[in-house]
Amino acid sequence: MSRKSLSFLVVLLACACTTESPSRPMSASVQLQVPTLINDSRGEMSASVRAVVDGRTIELDGGERVQISQLAEPADCWAAGARTFAEKWLLAKQVRVSAMTPGEVNLRLEDGTDYALLAVKEGVLRAQDAAGSLAEAELAAARGDRGLWGTPCNGMDATPSSTATTTTTPTSALQQQPDRSQRVIPTTTQPPPVVTTQPPPPPCAVSYRADQWQGGFQAQITIRNTGRTPITDWSLRWTFADGQTVRDTWNASASQRGSTVTATAAGHNRTIQPGAEVSIGFLGSARGRNTPPDAFTLNGTTCTTS
């Protein structure tokens, strides 16, 4: 072999030794995305529930104490059940919240379930202003006697208390014999004559009319001043017999506690002149029967009904 060929071969071998053997390509580094607290599509914030105060009030991991919007205050007779339900679904859980007003939030579970709708559907709490899906959920809970719609609440705000008492006679008393020598014989006296006076007629008359459909009804109440003086800043009260609930009212403002409803005058009809009348109306929900109320009081005075 010539010297020139030998030199060329040495160069080739040197190049082969210095060339890196092919290896598995290194994967590109993965840039971990820092989780964000804001969900851009809903404007929600992810948080953890640190404590449950009651069925609609919670404390978030940041220390904020908030109320869940669209839920009414827990009923007295179902307060413990409402809190247990909230602890089951919320305590130490990740949730999504969006602020409505200071101290009040919309709340969704991690899987997207609306907690207010879930609580109303299970009969744990009532809706504050039931409309749309909340109204349907509350009606379904009432029909199924779930939660506060069943025993012992039956749709009321307080547990009915039993007035029956049991009296036990001590054994020693049964063994004692009465001392006949000390018995006092009551004297008979002629009762005084009973004087009856005709009570004055009530100063008001109320008529109630309702049109009903499946699960709901619309009612109109007419209040007439049958007295001789104007009735000012009136307040009408009645009680439902079948657990009906009042929803939207017109010509008055209404509040309800249990089965008792109080309607107060609006600005334009706060005075009822003698012989005049005002009419108010409302939409309501009913479970099965819808018995009309049979008694009304106006400013604490019982009115005649028709």
Protein backbone atom coordinates (compact mmCIF):
# COMPACT_ATOMS: atom_id res chain seq x y z
CA MET A 1 0.00 0.00 0.00
CA SER A 2 1.35 3.48 -0.87
CA ARG A 3 2.07 6.06 1.77
CA LYS A 4 -0.69 8.34 0.44
CA SER A 5 -3.31 5.59 0.74
CA LEU A 6 -2.14 4.73 4.24
CA SER A 7 -2.48 8.35 5.34
CA PHE A 8 -6.02 8.53 3.95
CA LEU A 9 -7.00 5.38 5.84
CA VAL A 10 -5.64 6.78 9.11
CA VAL A 11 -7.70 9.95 8.60
CA LEU A 12 -10.88 7.91 8.02
CA LEU A 13 -10.31 5.86 11.19
CA ALA A 14 -9.73 8.99 13.25
CA CYS A 15 -12.97 10.53 11.98
CA ALA A 16 -14.84 7.32 12.80
CA CYS A 17 -13.54 7.31 16.38
CA THR A 18 -14.44 10.92 17.06
CA THR A 19 -17.99 10.73 15.64
CA GLU A 20 -20.71 10.24 18.33
CA SER A 21 -22.81 7.16 17.91
CA PRO A 22 -26.50 7.87 17.40
CA SER A 23 -28.56 7.74 20.60
CA ARG A 24 -32.24 8.00 21.54
CA PRO A 25 -33.30 11.63 21.04
CA MET A 26 -33.90 13.51 24.30
CA SER A 27 -37.49 14.44 24.81
CA ALA A 28 -38.35 18.10 24.92
CA SER A 29 -38.85 19.43 28.43
CA VAL A 30 -42.53 19.68 29.45
CA GLN A 31 -43.55 23.07 30.72
CA LEU A 32 -45.91 22.45 33.68
CA GLN A 33 -48.81 24.86 33.62
CA VAL A 34 -49.26 26.58 36.96
CA PRO A 35 -52.88 25.99 38.01
CA THR A 36 -54.99 29.13 38.02
CA LEU A 37 -57.75 29.94 40.49
CA ILE A 38 -59.92 31.60 37.87
CA ASN A 39 -62.02 29.69 35.38
CA ASP A 40 -62.23 32.10 32.45
CA SER A 41 -65.42 30.58 31.02
CA ARG A 42 -67.52 30.98 34.20
CA GLY A 43 -65.62 33.52 36.26
CA GLU A 44 -65.42 30.97 39.07
CA MET A 45 -62.78 30.48 41.74
CA SER A 46 -61.64 27.10 43.02
CA ALA A 47 -61.60 26.85 46.80
CA SER A 48 -61.79 24.34 49.64
CA VAL A 49 -64.48 24.33 52.33
CA ARG A 50 -62.81 24.53 55.75
CA ALA A 51 -65.93 24.54 57.94
CA VAL A 52 -69.73 24.26 57.72
CA VAL A 53 -71.60 26.77 59.90
CA ASP A 54 -75.13 25.72 58.90
CA GLY A 55 -76.95 24.35 55.88
CA ARG A 56 -76.27 27.42 53.75
CA THR A 57 -73.27 29.08 55.45
CA ILE A 58 -69.69 27.86 55.01
CA GLU A 59 -66.13 28.99 55.70
CA LEU A 60 -63.62 28.76 52.85
CA ASP A 61 -59.96 27.85 53.18
CA GLY A 62 -59.05 31.54 53.00
CA GLY A 63 -61.07 32.25 56.16
CA GLU A 64 -64.02 33.90 54.36
CA ARG A 65 -67.45 33.07 55.81
CA VAL A 66 -70.06 33.19 53.04
CA GLN A 67 -73.67 32.24 52.43
CA ILE A 68 -74.72 30.16 49.44
CA SER A 69 -77.06 32.22 47.30
CA GLN A 70 -80.63 31.22 46.39
CA LEU A 71 -81.08 29.22 49.62
CA ALA A 72 -83.47 30.28 52.39
CA GLU A 73 -82.59 30.13 56.08
CA PRO A 74 -82.68 26.54 57.42
CA ALA A 75 -85.98 25.59 59.02
CA ASP A 76 -85.79 25.17 62.81
CA CYS A 77 -87.00 21.58 62.70
CA TRP A 78 -84.53 20.59 59.97
CA ALA A 79 -81.46 22.67 60.91
CA ALA A 80 -79.45 19.64 62.05
CA GLY A 81 -80.33 17.69 58.92
CA ALA A 82 -79.37 20.63 56.69
CA ARG A 83 -75.98 20.92 58.40
CA THR A 84 -75.30 17.19 58.12
CA PHE A 85 -76.15 17.34 54.41
CA ALA A 86 -73.79 20.30 53.89
CA GLU A 87 -70.96 18.56 55.74
CA LYS A 88 -71.40 15.45 53.62
CA TRP A 89 -71.19 17.32 50.30
CA LEU A 90 -68.97 20.29 51.13
CA LEU A 91 -66.70 19.83 54.16
CA ALA A 92 -63.03 19.44 53.12
CA LYS A 93 -64.14 19.33 49.47
CA GLN A 94 -62.95 21.35 46.50
CA VAL A 95 -65.73 23.61 45.18
CA ARG A 96 -66.14 26.36 42.62
CA VAL A 97 -67.51 29.68 43.80
CA SER A 98 -68.43 32.93 42.12
CA ALA A 99 -69.36 36.01 44.10
CA MET A 100 -72.85 37.49 43.71
CA THR A 101 -72.87 40.09 46.49
CA PRO A 102 -70.49 40.63 49.42
CA GLY A 103 -70.75 37.59 51.66
CA GLU A 104 -72.89 35.60 49.21
CA VAL A 105 -71.70 33.22 46.50
CA ASN A 106 -72.91 30.83 43.87
CA LEU A 107 -71.44 27.40 44.62
CA ARG A 108 -70.87 24.39 42.41
CA LEU A 109 -69.38 21.05 43.36
CA GLU A 110 -66.16 19.90 41.69
CA ASP A 111 -68.17 17.86 39.15
CA GLY A 112 -70.19 20.95 38.19
CA THR A 113 -73.33 20.19 40.23
CA ASP A 114 -75.16 23.32 41.46
CA TYR A 115 -75.26 22.87 45.25
CA ALA A 116 -78.32 25.11 45.78
CA LEU A 117 -80.33 23.08 43.26
CA LEU A 118 -79.17 19.82 44.86
CA ALA A 119 -80.12 20.93 48.38
CA VAL A 120 -83.59 22.13 47.30
CA LYS A 121 -84.23 18.98 45.26
CA GLU A 122 -83.42 16.77 48.27
CA GLY A 123 -85.73 18.85 50.51
CA VAL A 124 -82.88 19.99 52.76
CA LEU A 125 -83.53 23.72 52.30
CA ARG A 126 -86.11 25.90 50.65
CA ALA A 127 -85.29 28.20 47.76
CA GLN A 128 -85.16 31.89 48.59
CA ASP A 129 -87.00 32.98 45.44
CA ALA A 130 -88.09 29.78 43.77
CA ALA A 131 -88.31 30.14 40.01
CA GLY A 132 -87.47 27.97 37.02
CA SER A 133 -85.44 24.88 37.92
CA LEU A 134 -85.44 25.77 41.65
CA ALA A 135 -89.24 25.95 41.70
CA GLU A 136 -89.47 22.57 39.95
CA ALA A 137 -86.93 21.05 42.39
CA GLU A 138 -88.83 22.34 45.43
CA LEU A 139 -92.13 21.05 44.07
CA ALA A 140 -90.56 17.62 43.42
CA ALA A 141 -89.21 17.48 46.98
CA ALA A 142 -92.61 18.46 48.38
CA ARG A 143 -94.40 15.80 46.36
CA GLY A 144 -91.90 13.18 47.48
CA ASP A 145 -92.07 14.25 51.16
CA ARG A 146 -88.29 14.51 51.18
CA GLY A 147 -86.33 16.24 53.93
CA LEU A 148 -88.23 19.05 55.63
CA TRP A 149 -91.32 18.22 53.58
CA GLY A 150 -91.69 14.93 55.45
CA THR A 151 -91.88 14.04 59.14
CA PRO A 152 -91.59 15.90 61.49
CA CYS A 153 -91.53 19.25 59.66
CA ASN A 154 -94.26 18.61 57.05
CA GLY A 155 -93.22 21.77 55.25
CA MET A 156 -93.42 23.88 58.42
CA ASP A 157 -90.61 26.02 59.88
CA ALA A 158 -90.75 24.46 63.36
CA THR A 159 -91.25 20.99 64.80
CA PRO A 160 -94.82 20.64 66.10
CA SER A 161 -94.68 20.02 69.84
CA SER A 162 -97.00 17.61 71.64
CA THR A 163 -99.18 19.17 74.30
CA ALA A 164 -100.29 15.84 75.76
CA THR A 165 -98.97 15.21 79.26
CA THR A 166 -99.12 12.09 81.37
CA THR A 167 -99.89 12.47 85.06
CA THR A 168 -98.80 9.71 87.40
CA THR A 169 -100.17 9.36 90.90
CA PRO A 170 -97.63 8.44 93.58
CA THR A 171 -98.23 5.05 95.21
CA SER A 172 -98.23 6.65 98.65
CA ALA A 173 -101.13 8.85 97.65
CA LEU A 174 -103.12 5.85 96.53
CA GLN A 175 -102.55 4.19 99.89
CA GLN A 176 -103.73 7.19 101.91
CA GLN A 177 -107.37 7.21 102.97
CA PRO A 178 -109.18 10.56 103.02
CA ASP A 179 -110.01 12.06 106.40
CA ARG A 180 -113.79 12.42 106.15
CA SER A 181 -113.94 14.61 109.28
CA GLN A 182 -112.02 17.33 107.50
CA ARG A 183 -113.95 17.28 104.25
CA VAL A 184 -115.28 20.65 103.18
CA ILE A 185 -118.77 20.56 101.74
CA PRO A 186 -119.09 23.27 99.13
CA THR A 187 -122.02 25.61 99.55
CA THR A 188 -124.42 26.04 96.69
CA THR A 189 -124.88 29.60 95.51
CA GLN A 190 -127.06 30.92 92.76
CA PRO A 191 -124.87 31.98 89.83
CA PRO A 192 -125.25 35.58 88.77
CA PRO A 193 -127.32 36.17 85.69
CA VAL A 194 -125.34 36.06 82.47
CA VAL A 195 -125.55 39.28 80.53
CA THR A 196 -124.88 38.84 76.83
CA THR A 197 -123.88 41.73 74.66
CA GLN A 198 -123.85 41.64 70.90
CA PRO A 199 -120.28 42.16 69.71
CA PRO A 200 -119.80 44.89 67.14
CA PRO A 201 -119.49 43.69 63.56
CA PRO A 202 -115.92 43.35 62.25
CA PRO A 203 -114.67 46.35 60.29
CA CYS A 204 -113.53 44.25 57.32
CA ALA A 205 -114.66 41.54 54.92
CA VAL A 206 -112.38 39.29 52.85
CA SER A 207 -113.11 37.14 49.81
CA TYR A 208 -110.66 34.54 48.44
CA ARG A 209 -110.74 33.06 44.94
CA ALA A 210 -108.19 30.66 43.38
CA ASP A 211 -107.61 28.93 40.03
CA GLN A 212 -105.57 25.75 40.38
CA TRP A 213 -103.44 23.65 38.04
CA GLN A 214 -101.09 20.70 38.62
CA GLY A 215 -98.70 21.75 41.39
CA GLY A 216 -99.66 25.42 41.45
CA PHE A 217 -102.41 28.00 41.61
CA GLN A 218 -103.22 31.69 41.25
CA ALA A 219 -105.26 33.42 43.95
CA GLN A 220 -106.99 36.78 44.33
CA ILE A 221 -107.96 38.29 47.68
CA THR A 222 -110.35 41.24 48.02
CA ILE A 223 -110.33 43.27 51.25
CA ARG A 224 -113.33 45.52 51.95
CA ASN A 225 -113.54 48.19 54.66
CA THR A 226 -116.96 47.66 56.24
CA GLY A 227 -116.27 50.04 59.14
CA ARG A 228 -116.71 53.79 59.51
CA THR A 229 -113.08 54.87 59.66
CA PRO A 230 -110.21 54.50 57.16
CA ILE A 231 -107.87 51.52 57.54
CA THR A 232 -104.26 52.65 57.10
CA ASP A 233 -101.04 50.64 56.69
CA TRP A 234 -102.99 47.42 56.70
CA SER A 235 -101.53 43.96 57.23
CA LEU A 236 -103.56 40.86 56.25
CA ARG A 237 -102.72 37.45 57.72
CA TRP A 238 -104.00 33.94 57.01
CA THR A 239 -102.90 30.31 57.41
CA PHE A 240 -102.89 27.55 54.80
CA ALA A 241 -104.10 24.08 55.73
CA ASP A 242 -102.23 21.99 53.13
CA GLY A 243 -98.68 23.38 53.18
CA GLN A 244 -99.18 25.77 50.26
CA THR A 245 -96.44 28.33 49.59
CA VAL A 246 -96.75 31.86 48.18
CA ARG A 247 -94.45 32.85 45.35
CA ASP A 248 -95.01 36.09 43.40
CA THR A 249 -97.43 38.73 44.73
CA TRP A 250 -98.87 41.90 43.28
CA ASN A 251 -100.47 44.96 44.93
CA ALA A 252 -98.87 43.81 48.22
CA SER A 253 -95.69 42.45 49.78
CA ALA A 254 -95.88 38.96 51.30
CA SER A 255 -93.80 36.98 53.77
CA GLN A 256 -94.38 33.40 54.91
CA ARG A 257 -93.36 31.45 58.00
CA GLY A 258 -94.49 27.88 57.98
CA SER A 259 -98.08 27.90 56.75
CA THR A 260 -98.83 31.47 57.94
CA VAL A 261 -98.69 34.25 55.34
CA THR A 262 -98.63 37.99 56.03
CA ALA A 263 -99.42 40.42 53.21
CA THR A 264 -98.72 44.13 53.76
CA ALA A 265 -99.97 47.13 51.83
CA ALA A 266 -98.19 48.56 48.83
CA GLY A 267 -97.51 52.27 48.54
CA HIS A 268 -100.52 53.00 46.32
CA ASN A 269 -103.12 51.14 48.42
CA ARG A 270 -101.94 51.65 52.00
CA THR A 271 -105.29 53.26 52.98
CA ILE A 272 -108.74 51.67 52.54
CA GLN A 273 -111.53 54.20 52.91
CA PRO A 274 -114.89 53.18 54.47
CA GLY A 275 -116.91 51.26 51.91
CA ALA A 276 -113.89 50.86 49.60
CA GLU A 277 -111.92 47.74 48.78
CA VAL A 278 -108.50 46.66 47.48
CA SER A 279 -107.50 43.50 45.64
CA ILE A 280 -104.20 41.64 45.87
CA GLY A 281 -103.02 38.49 44.13
CA PHE A 282 -100.27 35.91 44.13
CA LEU A 283 -98.97 32.74 42.54
CA GLY A 284 -98.53 29.73 44.79
CA SER A 285 -97.36 26.12 44.92
CA ALA A 286 -99.48 23.29 46.30
CA ARG A 287 -98.92 19.64 47.09
CA GLY A 288 -102.05 17.72 46.16
CA ARG A 289 -104.94 19.39 48.02
CA ASN A 290 -105.29 23.16 47.95
CA THR A 291 -107.88 24.01 50.62
CA PRO A 292 -108.70 27.76 50.69
CA PRO A 293 -107.93 29.54 53.98
CA ASP A 294 -111.07 30.05 56.07
CA ALA A 295 -109.94 32.87 58.39
CA PHE A 296 -108.27 36.24 57.82
CA THR A 297 -107.16 38.95 60.25
CA LEU A 298 -106.59 42.56 59.24
CA ASN A 299 -104.32 44.50 61.60
CA GLY A 300 -105.04 41.83 64.22
CA THR A 301 -108.86 41.95 63.82
CA THR A 302 -110.73 38.93 62.43
CA CYS A 303 -112.65 39.72 59.24
CA THR A 304 -115.76 38.12 57.85
CA THR A 305 -115.09 35.82 54.87
CA SER A 306 -116.99 34.96 51.76
